[in-house]
N, C-alpha and C. Protein backbone atom coordinates (compact mmCIF):
# COMPACT_ATOMS: atom_id res chain seq x y z
N MET A 1 50.30 72.16 93.03
CA MET A 1 49.69 71.24 92.13
C MET A 1 48.60 70.52 92.93
N SER A 2 47.54 70.43 92.24
CA SER A 2 46.40 69.85 92.91
C SER A 2 46.42 68.35 92.69
N VAL A 3 45.62 67.70 93.47
CA VAL A 3 45.51 66.25 93.39
C VAL A 3 45.02 65.88 92.00
N LEU A 4 44.12 66.69 91.50
CA LEU A 4 43.57 66.43 90.17
C LEU A 4 44.67 66.52 89.12
N ASP A 5 45.50 67.52 89.21
CA ASP A 5 46.60 67.66 88.26
C ASP A 5 47.58 66.50 88.41
N PHE A 6 47.79 66.12 89.66
CA PHE A 6 48.70 64.99 89.90
C PHE A 6 48.13 63.72 89.26
N GLU A 7 46.85 63.48 89.46
CA GLU A 7 46.24 62.30 88.87
C GLU A 7 46.28 62.38 87.35
N LYS A 8 46.09 63.59 86.80
CA LYS A 8 46.18 63.75 85.35
C LYS A 8 47.57 63.40 84.88
N GLN A 9 48.50 63.89 85.62
CA GLN A 9 49.89 63.63 85.26
C GLN A 9 50.19 62.13 85.32
N GLU A 10 49.71 61.48 86.34
CA GLU A 10 49.94 60.04 86.49
C GLU A 10 49.25 59.28 85.36
N ARG A 11 48.02 59.74 85.06
CA ARG A 11 47.28 59.08 83.98
C ARG A 11 48.01 59.28 82.65
N GLN A 12 48.55 60.47 82.48
CA GLN A 12 49.28 60.74 81.24
C GLN A 12 50.52 59.85 81.17
N LYS A 13 51.20 59.63 82.26
CA LYS A 13 52.37 58.75 82.29
C LYS A 13 51.94 57.32 81.94
N GLU A 14 50.83 56.93 82.55
CA GLU A 14 50.33 55.58 82.27
C GLU A 14 49.97 55.43 80.78
N VAL A 15 49.34 56.46 80.22
CA VAL A 15 48.97 56.43 78.80
C VAL A 15 50.23 56.34 77.95
N GLU A 16 51.22 57.14 78.29
CA GLU A 16 52.49 57.12 77.54
C GLU A 16 53.14 55.73 77.62
N GLU A 17 53.12 55.16 78.82
CA GLU A 17 53.69 53.81 78.98
C GLU A 17 52.91 52.80 78.15
N LEU A 18 51.57 52.93 78.18
CA LEU A 18 50.74 52.03 77.39
C LEU A 18 51.00 52.22 75.89
N GLU A 19 51.14 53.50 75.48
CA GLU A 19 51.43 53.76 74.06
C GLU A 19 52.79 53.17 73.68
N GLN A 20 53.79 53.28 74.55
CA GLN A 20 55.10 52.69 74.28
C GLN A 20 54.98 51.16 74.20
N THR A 21 54.21 50.59 75.14
CA THR A 21 54.00 49.14 75.13
C THR A 21 53.30 48.72 73.84
N ILE A 22 52.26 49.50 73.44
CA ILE A 22 51.53 49.20 72.21
C ILE A 22 52.46 49.34 71.01
N SER A 23 53.25 50.39 70.99
CA SER A 23 54.20 50.62 69.89
C SER A 23 55.20 49.46 69.81
N GLY A 24 55.72 49.05 70.96
CA GLY A 24 56.67 47.91 70.98
C GLY A 24 56.00 46.63 70.52
N SER A 25 54.75 46.46 70.98
CA SER A 25 54.00 45.26 70.58
C SER A 25 53.74 45.27 69.07
N LYS A 26 53.44 46.50 68.51
CA LYS A 26 53.22 46.61 67.07
C LYS A 26 54.49 46.23 66.31
N GLU A 27 55.63 46.73 66.79
CA GLU A 27 56.91 46.40 66.14
C GLU A 27 57.17 44.90 66.23
N GLU A 28 56.91 44.35 67.41
CA GLU A 28 57.12 42.91 67.61
C GLU A 28 56.19 42.11 66.69
N LEU A 29 54.92 42.55 66.61
CA LEU A 29 53.94 41.89 65.74
C LEU A 29 54.37 41.99 64.28
N SER A 30 54.84 43.16 63.90
CA SER A 30 55.33 43.36 62.52
C SER A 30 56.50 42.43 62.23
N SER A 31 57.42 42.33 63.18
CA SER A 31 58.57 41.44 63.03
C SER A 31 58.11 39.98 62.89
N ILE A 32 57.13 39.60 63.72
CA ILE A 32 56.60 38.23 63.67
C ILE A 32 55.95 37.98 62.31
N LEU A 33 55.20 38.97 61.82
CA LEU A 33 54.56 38.83 60.50
C LEU A 33 55.60 38.66 59.39
N HIS A 34 56.66 39.46 59.45
CA HIS A 34 57.74 39.32 58.45
C HIS A 34 58.38 37.94 58.52
N GLN A 35 58.60 37.47 59.75
CA GLN A 35 59.18 36.12 59.92
C GLN A 35 58.22 35.06 59.38
N GLN A 36 56.91 35.27 59.62
CA GLN A 36 55.93 34.30 59.13
C GLN A 36 55.90 34.29 57.60
N ILE A 37 55.95 35.46 56.99
CA ILE A 37 55.96 35.54 55.52
C ILE A 37 57.21 34.87 54.97
N ALA A 38 58.35 35.15 55.59
CA ALA A 38 59.61 34.53 55.15
C ALA A 38 59.53 33.01 55.31
N ALA A 39 58.95 32.55 56.42
CA ALA A 39 58.83 31.11 56.66
C ALA A 39 57.90 30.48 55.63
N GLU A 40 56.81 31.18 55.28
CA GLU A 40 55.89 30.66 54.26
C GLU A 40 56.57 30.57 52.91
N GLN A 41 57.37 31.58 52.58
CA GLN A 41 58.11 31.55 51.31
C GLN A 41 59.12 30.40 51.29
N GLU A 42 59.81 30.24 52.41
CA GLU A 42 60.79 29.16 52.51
C GLU A 42 60.10 27.80 52.42
N THR A 43 58.94 27.68 53.08
CA THR A 43 58.17 26.43 53.03
C THR A 43 57.74 26.13 51.60
N GLU A 44 57.28 27.16 50.88
CA GLU A 44 56.87 26.97 49.48
C GLU A 44 58.07 26.55 48.62
N GLN A 45 59.22 27.17 48.86
CA GLN A 45 60.42 26.80 48.11
C GLN A 45 60.80 25.35 48.40
N ILE A 46 60.75 24.94 49.66
CA ILE A 46 61.07 23.56 50.05
C ILE A 46 60.07 22.60 49.42
N ARG A 47 58.77 23.00 49.39
CA ARG A 47 57.75 22.15 48.77
C ARG A 47 58.05 21.95 47.28
N LYS A 48 58.42 23.05 46.59
CA LYS A 48 58.76 22.95 45.16
C LYS A 48 59.98 22.05 44.95
N GLU A 49 61.00 22.23 45.79
CA GLU A 49 62.20 21.39 45.69
C GLU A 49 61.85 19.93 45.95
N GLY A 50 60.98 19.71 46.96
CA GLY A 50 60.55 18.34 47.27
C GLY A 50 59.82 17.72 46.08
N GLU A 51 58.97 18.49 45.44
CA GLU A 51 58.24 18.00 44.27
C GLU A 51 59.21 17.67 43.13
N ALA A 52 60.20 18.55 42.92
CA ALA A 52 61.20 18.28 41.88
C ALA A 52 61.99 17.02 42.20
N ILE A 53 62.32 16.83 43.46
CA ILE A 53 63.06 15.62 43.87
C ILE A 53 62.20 14.38 43.66
N ARG A 54 60.89 14.48 44.03
CA ARG A 54 60.00 13.34 43.81
C ARG A 54 59.90 12.99 42.33
N GLN A 55 59.84 14.01 41.49
CA GLN A 55 59.77 13.80 40.04
C GLN A 55 61.06 13.12 39.55
N GLU A 56 62.18 13.60 40.03
CA GLU A 56 63.47 13.01 39.64
C GLU A 56 63.58 11.56 40.11
N VAL A 57 63.13 11.31 41.34
CA VAL A 57 63.15 9.94 41.88
C VAL A 57 62.26 9.04 41.03
N SER A 58 61.10 9.57 40.62
CA SER A 58 60.19 8.79 39.77
C SER A 58 60.84 8.46 38.44
N GLU A 59 61.51 9.45 37.84
CA GLU A 59 62.20 9.22 36.56
C GLU A 59 63.34 8.22 36.74
N LEU A 60 64.10 8.36 37.82
CA LEU A 60 65.21 7.44 38.08
C LEU A 60 64.69 6.03 38.32
N SER A 61 63.55 5.93 39.00
CA SER A 61 62.95 4.62 39.24
C SER A 61 62.55 3.97 37.92
N ALA A 62 61.93 4.76 37.04
CA ALA A 62 61.54 4.24 35.72
C ALA A 62 62.78 3.81 34.93
N THR A 63 63.82 4.63 34.98
CA THR A 63 65.07 4.29 34.28
C THR A 63 65.67 3.02 34.87
N ASN A 64 65.65 2.92 36.20
CA ASN A 64 66.18 1.74 36.87
C ASN A 64 65.42 0.49 36.45
N HIS A 65 64.09 0.60 36.39
CA HIS A 65 63.26 -0.54 35.97
C HIS A 65 63.61 -0.95 34.54
N LEU A 66 63.75 0.04 33.66
CA LEU A 66 64.11 -0.25 32.26
C LEU A 66 65.48 -0.93 32.19
N LEU A 67 66.43 -0.43 32.97
CA LEU A 67 67.78 -1.02 32.97
C LEU A 67 67.75 -2.45 33.50
N LYS A 68 66.91 -2.72 34.50
CA LYS A 68 66.79 -4.09 35.02
C LYS A 68 66.25 -5.01 33.93
N GLU A 69 65.23 -4.53 33.20
CA GLU A 69 64.67 -5.35 32.12
C GLU A 69 65.72 -5.61 31.05
N GLN A 70 66.48 -4.58 30.69
CA GLN A 70 67.54 -4.74 29.69
C GLN A 70 68.61 -5.71 30.19
N THR A 71 68.93 -5.63 31.48
CA THR A 71 69.93 -6.54 32.05
C THR A 71 69.44 -7.98 31.98
N GLU A 72 68.14 -8.19 32.29
CA GLU A 72 67.57 -9.54 32.21
C GLU A 72 67.63 -10.06 30.77
N THR A 73 67.27 -9.19 29.82
CA THR A 73 67.31 -9.59 28.41
C THR A 73 68.74 -9.93 27.99
N LEU A 74 69.68 -9.09 28.40
CA LEU A 74 71.08 -9.34 28.05
C LEU A 74 71.59 -10.63 28.70
N THR A 75 71.15 -10.90 29.93
CA THR A 75 71.55 -12.12 30.60
C THR A 75 71.00 -13.34 29.86
N GLU A 76 69.73 -13.24 29.43
CA GLU A 76 69.13 -14.35 28.67
C GLU A 76 69.89 -14.54 27.35
N ASP A 77 70.19 -13.43 26.67
CA ASP A 77 70.94 -13.51 25.41
C ASP A 77 72.31 -14.13 25.65
N LYS A 78 72.96 -13.75 26.75
CA LYS A 78 74.28 -14.30 27.07
C LYS A 78 74.18 -15.81 27.27
N GLU A 79 73.15 -16.24 28.03
CA GLU A 79 72.96 -17.68 28.27
C GLU A 79 72.75 -18.42 26.96
N LYS A 80 71.93 -17.84 26.06
CA LYS A 80 71.69 -18.47 24.76
C LYS A 80 72.99 -18.57 23.98
N LEU A 81 73.75 -17.48 23.97
CA LEU A 81 75.02 -17.48 23.23
C LEU A 81 76.00 -18.50 23.80
N LEU A 82 76.06 -18.59 25.13
CA LEU A 82 76.95 -19.57 25.75
C LEU A 82 76.52 -20.99 25.39
N SER A 83 75.22 -21.23 25.39
CA SER A 83 74.70 -22.54 25.04
C SER A 83 75.03 -22.86 23.58
N GLU A 84 74.79 -21.87 22.70
CA GLU A 84 75.12 -22.06 21.29
C GLU A 84 76.62 -22.27 21.10
N ASN A 85 77.42 -21.55 21.88
CA ASN A 85 78.87 -21.69 21.80
C ASN A 85 79.30 -23.11 22.19
N GLU A 86 78.67 -23.65 23.24
CA GLU A 86 78.98 -25.02 23.66
C GLU A 86 78.63 -26.00 22.55
N LYS A 87 77.46 -25.80 21.92
CA LYS A 87 77.06 -26.68 20.81
C LYS A 87 78.07 -26.60 19.68
N LEU A 88 78.48 -25.37 19.36
CA LEU A 88 79.45 -25.19 18.28
C LEU A 88 80.79 -25.84 18.63
N GLU A 89 81.18 -25.75 19.89
CA GLU A 89 82.44 -26.38 20.31
C GLU A 89 82.34 -27.90 20.17
N LYS A 90 81.18 -28.47 20.53
CA LYS A 90 81.00 -29.91 20.36
C LYS A 90 81.04 -30.29 18.88
N GLN A 91 80.37 -29.49 18.05
CA GLN A 91 80.41 -29.76 16.61
C GLN A 91 81.84 -29.66 16.09
N GLN A 92 82.56 -28.67 16.57
CA GLN A 92 83.95 -28.49 16.14
C GLN A 92 84.79 -29.70 16.54
N LYS A 93 84.58 -30.23 17.75
CA LYS A 93 85.33 -31.42 18.18
C LYS A 93 85.00 -32.61 17.29
N LYS A 94 83.70 -32.79 16.98
CA LYS A 94 83.30 -33.90 16.11
C LYS A 94 83.95 -33.75 14.74
N LEU A 95 83.90 -32.53 14.20
CA LEU A 95 84.51 -32.30 12.88
C LEU A 95 86.02 -32.56 12.94
N GLN A 96 86.66 -32.12 14.02
CA GLN A 96 88.10 -32.34 14.15
C GLN A 96 88.40 -33.84 14.22
N GLN A 97 87.54 -34.60 14.93
CA GLN A 97 87.73 -36.05 15.00
C GLN A 97 87.57 -36.67 13.62
N GLU A 98 86.57 -36.22 12.86
CA GLU A 98 86.37 -36.74 11.52
C GLU A 98 87.54 -36.39 10.62
N ILE A 99 88.05 -35.15 10.75
CA ILE A 99 89.22 -34.74 9.96
C ILE A 99 90.41 -35.62 10.33
N ASN A 100 90.60 -35.88 11.63
CA ASN A 100 91.72 -36.74 12.06
C ASN A 100 91.58 -38.14 11.47
N LYS A 101 90.34 -38.68 11.45
CA LYS A 101 90.12 -40.00 10.86
C LYS A 101 90.44 -39.96 9.38
N MET A 102 90.00 -38.88 8.70
CA MET A 102 90.27 -38.77 7.27
C MET A 102 91.77 -38.68 7.01
N VAL A 103 92.49 -37.94 7.85
CA VAL A 103 93.95 -37.82 7.70
C VAL A 103 94.60 -39.19 7.88
N GLN A 104 94.13 -39.93 8.91
CA GLN A 104 94.68 -41.27 9.13
C GLN A 104 94.36 -42.18 7.95
N SER A 105 93.14 -42.09 7.44
CA SER A 105 92.77 -42.91 6.28
C SER A 105 93.64 -42.55 5.08
N LYS A 106 93.88 -41.26 4.90
CA LYS A 106 94.72 -40.82 3.79
C LYS A 106 96.14 -41.39 3.94
N GLU A 107 96.67 -41.33 5.17
CA GLU A 107 98.01 -41.86 5.39
C GLU A 107 98.06 -43.36 5.09
N VAL A 108 97.03 -44.08 5.53
CA VAL A 108 96.97 -45.53 5.25
C VAL A 108 96.90 -45.76 3.75
N MET A 109 96.04 -44.98 3.07
CA MET A 109 95.90 -45.14 1.61
C MET A 109 97.22 -44.83 0.92
N GLU A 110 97.93 -43.80 1.36
CA GLU A 110 99.21 -43.45 0.74
C GLU A 110 100.22 -44.58 0.95
N ARG A 111 100.24 -45.18 2.16
CA ARG A 111 101.15 -46.30 2.40
C ARG A 111 100.78 -47.48 1.49
N ASN A 112 99.45 -47.73 1.39
CA ASN A 112 99.01 -48.84 0.53
C ASN A 112 99.37 -48.58 -0.92
N ILE A 113 99.15 -47.35 -1.37
CA ILE A 113 99.49 -47.01 -2.77
C ILE A 113 100.98 -47.20 -2.98
N HIS A 114 101.77 -46.73 -2.02
CA HIS A 114 103.23 -46.88 -2.14
C HIS A 114 103.58 -48.38 -2.20
N ALA A 115 102.93 -49.16 -1.34
CA ALA A 115 103.20 -50.61 -1.33
C ALA A 115 102.78 -51.22 -2.67
N TYR A 116 101.64 -50.83 -3.17
CA TYR A 116 101.16 -51.38 -4.44
C TYR A 116 102.11 -51.01 -5.58
N ASP A 117 102.64 -49.78 -5.52
CA ASP A 117 103.53 -49.33 -6.60
C ASP A 117 104.89 -49.99 -6.52
N GLU A 118 105.42 -50.25 -5.32
CA GLU A 118 106.82 -50.67 -5.21
C GLU A 118 107.02 -52.10 -4.75
N ASP A 119 106.09 -52.66 -4.00
CA ASP A 119 106.27 -54.03 -3.49
C ASP A 119 106.14 -55.01 -4.64
N VAL A 120 107.10 -55.98 -4.71
CA VAL A 120 107.18 -56.94 -5.81
C VAL A 120 105.93 -57.80 -5.89
N LYS A 121 105.37 -58.18 -4.75
CA LYS A 121 104.23 -59.09 -4.80
C LYS A 121 103.02 -58.46 -5.48
N TRP A 122 103.00 -57.14 -5.59
CA TRP A 122 101.87 -56.49 -6.25
C TRP A 122 102.18 -56.14 -7.71
N GLN A 123 103.38 -56.46 -8.16
CA GLN A 123 103.76 -56.12 -9.53
C GLN A 123 103.28 -57.20 -10.49
N LEU A 124 102.82 -56.78 -11.62
CA LEU A 124 102.42 -57.73 -12.66
C LEU A 124 103.67 -58.14 -13.44
N ALA A 125 103.66 -59.38 -13.92
CA ALA A 125 104.79 -59.85 -14.74
C ALA A 125 104.75 -59.12 -16.07
N GLU A 126 105.95 -58.97 -16.60
CA GLU A 126 106.03 -58.33 -17.92
C GLU A 126 105.31 -59.23 -18.91
N PRO A 127 104.54 -58.65 -19.78
CA PRO A 127 103.83 -59.50 -20.75
C PRO A 127 104.86 -60.22 -21.64
N GLY A 128 104.59 -61.49 -21.84
CA GLY A 128 105.48 -62.29 -22.71
C GLY A 128 105.09 -62.10 -24.18
N GLY A 129 105.92 -62.64 -25.02
CA GLY A 129 105.63 -62.54 -26.45
C GLY A 129 104.49 -63.48 -26.82
N ILE A 130 103.87 -63.24 -27.88
CA ILE A 130 102.77 -64.07 -28.34
C ILE A 130 103.34 -65.14 -29.27
N ASP A 131 102.99 -66.36 -28.96
CA ASP A 131 103.37 -67.47 -29.86
C ASP A 131 102.39 -67.46 -30.99
N GLU A 132 102.90 -67.20 -32.18
CA GLU A 132 102.00 -67.01 -33.31
C GLU A 132 101.32 -68.29 -33.70
N ARG A 133 101.91 -69.38 -33.44
CA ARG A 133 101.31 -70.64 -33.83
C ARG A 133 100.09 -70.93 -32.98
N LYS A 134 100.19 -70.70 -31.74
CA LYS A 134 99.08 -71.08 -30.87
C LYS A 134 98.20 -69.86 -30.53
N GLY A 135 98.68 -68.72 -30.69
CA GLY A 135 97.95 -67.53 -30.35
C GLY A 135 97.89 -67.30 -28.85
N LEU A 136 98.80 -67.98 -28.18
CA LEU A 136 98.83 -67.85 -26.72
C LEU A 136 100.10 -67.18 -26.27
N PRO A 137 100.05 -66.62 -25.17
CA PRO A 137 101.29 -66.01 -24.66
C PRO A 137 102.31 -67.10 -24.36
N GLY A 138 103.51 -66.79 -24.60
CA GLY A 138 104.50 -67.81 -24.59
C GLY A 138 105.43 -67.83 -23.58
């Protein structure tokens, strides 16, 4: 074998090694591209999920704001009702006091009526006969 053949053989080995290296690099590059595509798809999916979550948070925030307003309105209504209830309780006490006074007055009147009906000092004398001569009671 001549030096030239030996060099050809060496060059051919080097070419084969380079082709293997290129082939491996192509496979590695292909794998990296697949990983990049998968990562891009995953990123897009995460972005969509993030957008859906932001939308849901926005809706929940609006609902929360509405509920706070309703709570404030209900609190104001409760305060008004409690105030009105206190006024009604005061009116009820006044009415009860007036009823108690009326009951006491009724009891006093009934005692007085009983006294007027039965006590001798309040009884009228039986009418006497009329003296026909004088025309006066006799």
